[in-house]
Amino acid sequence: MQASVIIPTYNRRQWVGEAVASVLGQRGLGSGRVETIVVDDGSTDGTTEYLRDRFGHAIRLVVHQQNSGVAVARNTGAAVARGEWIAFLDSDDLWLPQKLARHLAFAEGNGHAISQTNELWLRNGRFVNPRQYHRKQGGDIFVVSLERCMISPSAVLIHRELWNRYGGFDPSLPVCEDYDLWLRITCEQAVGLLEEPLVIKRGGHFDQLSRRFWGMDRFRVASMVRLLLSGRLAAQQAQALVAVLERKCTILANGAAKRGRPEEAERYRALMEEARRYAEQRWPGLPLGGDPR
């Protein structure tokens, strides 16, 4: 099996069928080389029955009895996957028909254990241009990835060995689980970029995770602290991380103080101090602070 495509879904019956069909409609791939795994993460809207009726044995359907979160759903799919390569597709996104064939050829031809394609953004039914700071990048993208998630799950392709090495998505994170994994990988691995836009990323609908959780930087800060204390970073990487961490913690602390939550504000200030002390002890003389970009 060359590749496994994993589609996690939760109460998205109105979206997931199009996502699955876009994978089953991939062109330029030999028969039996790709499997499509859909993980229904405890849906209550009839998603399971809909998928069985519409796609039958064309997909491998894994059903969670309870909603466990997108990190667990993706990890479940990867655990049963048989492919040498692992790809993901969010259930509200779509692939263009040539996506997987071109992406596999690019990754294998250039020796990229992790790579991504560009995307087309569809917002409320209209194509829009991503802002400059959202544009995909390749190579050493660790520093720029500290600010925001720079790899879309729907656009990534990962070799099985690399996936196993880094252990998948953190199931304790309800959001920003992708940000967390990409940081752990990009601090040590370069990312290939296939410039061609081969994914349609649909947004603007009410059930997106980014709309259900306020203060996404809370989770990014937690990921950065864990990575810093892991001892895996080089000095310059730690320097960049501490700068971004301090900026995010300052914003979170000020926001908590304005909302009348002094203990929460103090917790973020303490995190800043802990991170700075660790970096100063680990890398004596390392300049800290300033813009890492």
Protein backbone atom coordinates (compact mmCIF):
# COMPACT_ATOMS: atom_id res chain seq x y z
CA MET A 1 0.00 0.00 0.00
CA GLN A 2 1.54 3.29 -1.08
CA ALA A 3 -0.61 5.79 0.79
CA SER A 4 -3.35 6.05 3.40
CA VAL A 5 -5.70 9.03 3.45
CA ILE A 6 -7.31 9.73 6.82
CA ILE A 7 -10.48 11.82 7.11
CA PRO A 8 -11.64 12.59 10.67
CA THR A 9 -15.22 13.80 11.01
CA TYR A 10 -17.69 14.78 13.70
CA ASN A 11 -21.28 15.77 12.94
CA ARG A 12 -20.42 16.95 9.45
CA ARG A 13 -22.75 14.82 7.39
CA GLN A 14 -23.39 17.79 5.11
CA TRP A 15 -19.66 18.12 4.32
CA VAL A 16 -17.91 14.79 4.66
CA GLY A 17 -19.42 13.12 1.59
CA GLU A 18 -17.82 15.68 -0.71
CA ALA A 19 -14.47 15.26 1.04
CA VAL A 20 -14.55 11.48 0.68
CA ALA A 21 -15.64 11.71 -2.96
CA SER A 22 -12.70 14.04 -3.70
CA VAL A 23 -10.31 11.36 -2.41
CA LEU A 24 -11.99 8.46 -4.19
CA GLY A 25 -11.89 10.52 -7.38
CA GLN A 26 -8.10 10.94 -7.38
CA ARG A 27 -6.48 10.37 -10.77
CA GLY A 28 -3.13 8.99 -11.85
CA LEU A 29 -2.88 6.33 -9.16
CA GLY A 30 -2.77 2.60 -9.74
CA SER A 31 -5.49 0.33 -8.40
CA GLY A 32 -5.05 -0.76 -4.80
CA ARG A 33 -2.27 1.72 -4.03
CA VAL A 34 -4.35 4.06 -1.84
CA GLU A 35 -6.80 3.44 0.99
CA THR A 36 -9.34 5.92 2.34
CA ILE A 37 -9.93 5.76 6.09
CA VAL A 38 -12.78 7.77 7.59
CA VAL A 39 -12.89 8.09 11.38
CA ASP A 40 -16.33 9.07 12.66
CA ASP A 41 -15.53 10.60 16.03
CA GLY A 42 -18.84 9.91 17.79
CA SER A 43 -21.19 11.74 15.42
CA THR A 44 -24.86 11.96 16.38
CA ASP A 45 -26.21 13.31 13.07
CA GLY A 46 -26.32 10.03 11.14
CA THR A 47 -22.85 10.43 9.63
CA THR A 48 -21.95 6.76 10.13
CA GLU A 49 -25.07 5.46 8.38
CA TYR A 50 -24.70 8.00 5.59
CA LEU A 51 -21.10 6.98 4.91
CA ARG A 52 -21.94 3.27 4.91
CA ASP A 53 -24.85 3.74 2.56
CA ARG A 54 -23.04 6.02 0.13
CA PHE A 55 -19.53 4.55 0.02
CA GLY A 56 -19.81 0.99 1.33
CA HIS A 57 -16.56 -0.96 0.98
CA ALA A 58 -14.85 1.83 -0.97
CA ILE A 59 -13.72 3.24 2.39
CA ARG A 60 -12.49 1.86 5.69
CA LEU A 61 -14.86 3.29 8.29
CA VAL A 62 -13.75 3.47 11.92
CA VAL A 63 -16.40 4.57 14.42
CA HIS A 64 -15.74 6.05 17.86
CA GLN A 65 -18.60 5.54 20.29
CA GLN A 66 -17.81 8.86 21.99
CA ASN A 67 -16.40 12.09 20.70
CA SER A 68 -12.69 12.12 21.57
CA GLY A 69 -11.39 15.08 19.58
CA VAL A 70 -9.71 15.52 16.24
CA ALA A 71 -6.24 14.60 17.53
CA VAL A 72 -7.45 11.20 18.71
CA ALA A 73 -9.46 10.68 15.51
CA ARG A 74 -6.44 11.33 13.29
CA ASN A 75 -4.24 9.14 15.47
CA THR A 76 -6.82 6.34 15.29
CA GLY A 77 -6.76 6.48 11.51
CA ALA A 78 -2.97 6.46 11.40
CA ALA A 79 -2.85 3.49 13.78
CA VAL A 80 -4.85 1.29 11.38
CA ALA A 81 -3.33 2.72 8.20
CA ARG A 82 -1.33 0.37 5.98
CA GLY A 83 0.28 2.94 3.68
CA GLU A 84 3.92 3.92 3.45
CA TRP A 85 2.72 7.52 3.26
CA ILE A 86 0.06 9.18 5.43
CA ALA A 87 -2.12 12.05 4.29
CA PHE A 88 -4.98 13.81 6.05
CA LEU A 89 -8.06 15.60 4.79
CA ASP A 90 -10.36 17.58 7.07
CA SER A 91 -13.97 16.68 6.45
CA ASP A 92 -14.88 20.20 5.30
CA ASP A 93 -12.03 20.44 2.78
CA LEU A 94 -11.56 19.02 -0.72
CA TRP A 95 -8.73 17.70 -2.88
CA LEU A 96 -8.35 18.49 -6.54
CA PRO A 97 -8.31 15.29 -8.66
CA GLN A 98 -4.53 15.23 -9.20
CA LYS A 99 -3.52 16.12 -5.63
CA LEU A 100 -2.28 12.82 -4.31
CA ALA A 101 -0.52 11.62 -7.46
CA ARG A 102 1.40 14.87 -7.86
CA HIS A 103 2.15 15.11 -4.16
CA LEU A 104 3.50 11.56 -3.96
CA ALA A 105 5.65 12.11 -7.04
CA PHE A 106 7.01 15.33 -5.54
CA ALA A 107 7.76 13.82 -2.11
CA GLU A 108 9.36 10.65 -3.45
CA GLY A 109 11.25 12.46 -6.20
CA ASN A 110 12.75 15.02 -3.85
CA GLY A 111 13.26 12.93 -0.73
CA HIS A 112 10.87 14.90 1.47
CA ALA A 113 9.68 12.90 4.49
CA ILE A 114 7.18 15.69 5.17
CA SER A 115 5.81 18.12 2.61
CA GLN A 116 2.75 20.16 1.79
CA THR A 117 1.00 21.68 -1.20
CA ASN A 118 -0.46 25.10 -1.61
CA GLU A 119 -4.18 25.70 -1.16
CA LEU A 120 -7.14 27.51 -2.62
CA TRP A 121 -9.24 29.23 0.03
CA LEU A 122 -13.02 29.12 -0.24
CA ARG A 123 -14.86 31.35 2.24
CA ASN A 124 -18.64 31.40 2.34
CA GLY A 125 -18.77 30.03 -1.19
CA ARG A 126 -16.27 32.49 -2.70
CA PHE A 127 -12.58 32.01 -3.48
CA VAL A 128 -10.35 34.48 -1.65
CA ASN A 129 -6.61 35.13 -1.55
CA PRO A 130 -4.85 34.10 1.68
CA ARG A 131 -3.13 36.91 3.52
CA GLN A 132 0.61 37.08 3.07
CA TYR A 133 1.38 35.69 6.54
CA HIS A 134 -0.71 32.59 5.78
CA ARG A 135 1.17 31.72 2.60
CA LYS A 136 2.85 28.32 2.66
CA GLN A 137 6.59 28.05 3.01
CA GLY A 138 9.13 25.28 2.62
CA GLY A 139 12.53 24.44 4.03
CA ASP A 140 13.37 25.36 7.63
CA ILE A 141 10.05 26.83 8.77
CA PHE A 142 10.41 26.39 12.54
CA VAL A 143 10.72 30.06 13.46
CA VAL A 144 7.80 31.23 11.33
CA SER A 145 5.73 28.30 12.67
CA LEU A 146 6.06 29.66 16.20
CA GLU A 147 3.61 32.44 15.45
CA ARG A 148 0.88 30.36 13.81
CA CYS A 149 0.21 27.00 12.23
CA MET A 150 2.01 27.00 8.89
CA ILE A 151 1.06 23.50 7.73
CA SER A 152 -2.54 22.54 6.98
CA PRO A 153 -3.44 18.93 7.79
CA SER A 154 -5.38 18.72 4.52
CA ALA A 155 -2.26 19.67 2.55
CA VAL A 156 0.40 17.57 4.31
CA LEU A 157 2.00 14.27 3.33
CA ILE A 158 4.12 12.41 5.91
CA HIS A 159 6.21 9.29 5.57
CA ARG A 160 5.22 6.51 7.96
CA GLU A 161 8.67 6.38 9.58
CA LEU A 162 8.57 10.09 10.38
CA TRP A 163 5.03 9.83 11.76
CA ASN A 164 6.05 7.00 14.06
CA ARG A 165 9.14 8.86 15.21
CA TYR A 166 7.19 11.90 16.42
CA GLY A 167 4.21 10.06 17.85
CA GLY A 168 1.30 11.79 16.15
CA PHE A 169 -1.01 14.49 17.49
CA ASP A 170 -1.22 15.26 21.20
CA PRO A 171 -4.63 13.95 22.36
CA SER A 172 -4.67 16.32 25.34
CA LEU A 173 -5.07 19.32 23.03
CA PRO A 174 -8.65 20.13 21.94
CA VAL A 175 -7.27 22.59 19.35
CA CYS A 176 -3.83 23.57 18.04
CA GLU A 177 -2.89 19.89 18.00
CA ASP A 178 -1.54 20.44 14.48
CA TYR A 179 0.51 23.47 15.57
CA ASP A 180 2.01 21.34 18.33
CA LEU A 181 3.00 18.44 16.06
CA TRP A 182 4.44 20.66 13.34
CA LEU A 183 6.63 22.45 15.90
CA ARG A 184 7.98 19.14 17.19
CA ILE A 185 8.77 18.08 13.64
CA THR A 186 10.05 21.34 12.13
CA CYS A 187 12.57 21.95 14.89
CA GLU A 188 14.44 19.00 13.37
CA GLN A 189 13.07 18.48 9.85
CA ALA A 190 12.84 20.57 6.69
CA VAL A 191 9.45 20.71 4.98
CA GLY A 192 9.02 20.31 1.25
CA LEU A 193 6.65 22.67 -0.56
CA LEU A 194 4.84 21.78 -3.75
CA GLU A 195 3.86 25.24 -4.96
CA GLU A 196 0.82 24.07 -6.90
CA PRO A 197 -2.51 24.65 -5.09
CA LEU A 198 -4.10 21.20 -4.91
CA VAL A 199 -6.36 21.58 -1.85
CA ILE A 200 -9.56 23.56 -1.47
CA LYS A 201 -9.71 24.79 2.11
CA ARG A 202 -13.29 25.71 2.99
CA GLY A 203 -14.00 28.11 5.85
CA GLY A 204 -16.49 30.53 7.29
CA HIS A 205 -18.92 27.94 8.69
CA PHE A 206 -20.10 27.83 12.29
CA ASP A 207 -18.68 24.47 13.40
CA GLN A 208 -15.00 25.16 12.80
CA LEU A 209 -12.88 24.42 15.87
CA SER A 210 -11.25 27.84 15.67
CA ARG A 211 -14.68 29.38 16.29
CA ARG A 212 -15.49 27.15 19.26
CA PHE A 213 -12.42 27.99 21.35
CA TRP A 214 -11.39 31.48 22.40
CA GLY A 215 -7.79 32.40 23.07
CA MET A 216 -6.10 29.86 20.80
CA ASP A 217 -2.71 31.17 21.93
CA ARG A 218 -3.33 29.51 25.31
CA PHE A 219 -2.73 26.17 23.66
CA ARG A 220 0.18 27.41 21.55
CA VAL A 221 1.90 28.71 24.69
CA ALA A 222 1.53 25.32 26.37
CA SER A 223 3.08 23.63 23.34
CA MET A 224 6.00 26.04 23.24
CA VAL A 225 6.78 25.59 26.93
CA ARG A 226 6.78 21.79 26.61
CA LEU A 227 9.04 21.93 23.56
CA LEU A 228 11.48 24.34 25.21
CA LEU A 229 11.77 22.15 28.32
CA SER A 230 12.20 19.01 26.21
CA GLY A 231 15.83 19.93 25.55
CA ARG A 232 15.50 19.27 21.81
CA LEU A 233 16.05 22.82 20.59
CA ALA A 234 19.23 24.44 19.35
CA ALA A 235 20.21 27.74 20.96
CA GLN A 236 18.91 29.92 18.12
CA GLN A 237 15.63 28.03 18.05
CA ALA A 238 15.20 28.52 21.80
CA GLN A 239 16.01 32.21 21.41
CA ALA A 240 13.26 32.60 18.82
CA LEU A 241 10.79 30.54 20.85
CA VAL A 242 11.32 32.57 24.03
CA ALA A 243 10.76 35.82 22.13
CA VAL A 244 7.44 34.61 20.69
CA LEU A 245 6.42 33.00 23.98
CA GLU A 246 7.00 36.22 25.90
CA ARG A 247 4.97 38.21 23.40
CA LYS A 248 2.05 35.78 23.50
CA CYS A 249 2.16 35.46 27.29
CA THR A 250 2.16 39.24 27.68
CA ILE A 251 -0.97 39.51 25.53
CA LEU A 252 -2.69 36.70 27.44
CA ALA A 253 -1.68 38.15 30.81
CA ASN A 254 -2.93 41.63 29.90
CA GLY A 255 -6.19 40.18 28.63
CA ALA A 256 -6.71 38.17 31.80
CA ALA A 257 -6.03 41.23 33.94
CA LYS A 258 -8.60 43.28 32.01
CA ARG A 259 -11.19 40.53 32.54
CA GLY A 260 -10.59 40.60 36.28
CA ARG A 261 -8.60 37.35 36.44
CA PRO A 262 -5.41 38.30 38.31
CA GLU A 263 -4.40 34.69 39.09
CA GLU A 264 -4.54 33.75 35.41
CA ALA A 265 -2.54 36.86 34.50
CA GLU A 266 0.10 35.96 37.07
CA ARG A 267 0.29 32.40 35.73
CA TYR A 268 1.26 33.68 32.27
CA ARG A 269 3.82 36.06 33.75
CA ALA A 270 5.29 33.16 35.72
CA LEU A 271 5.49 31.07 32.55
CA MET A 272 7.50 33.83 30.89
CA GLU A 273 9.92 33.92 33.80
CA GLU A 274 10.25 30.13 33.89
CA ALA A 275 11.03 29.99 30.19
CA ARG A 276 13.57 32.77 30.41
CA ARG A 277 15.32 31.21 33.43
CA TYR A 278 15.51 27.84 31.72
CA ALA A 279 16.98 29.34 28.55
CA GLU A 280 19.52 31.42 30.50
CA GLN A 281 20.69 28.35 32.43
CA ARG A 282 20.69 26.04 29.41
CA TRP A 283 22.46 28.49 27.08
CA PRO A 284 24.46 30.98 29.21
CA GLY A 285 25.00 34.27 27.43
CA LEU A 286 22.28 33.67 24.85
CA PRO A 287 20.62 37.03 24.02
CA LEU A 288 16.91 36.82 24.77
CA GLY A 289 14.10 39.09 23.63
CA GLY A 290 13.44 40.92 20.40
CA ASP A 291 11.75 39.90 17.17
CA PRO A 292 12.93 36.46 15.95
CA ARG A 293 11.78 36.97 12.36
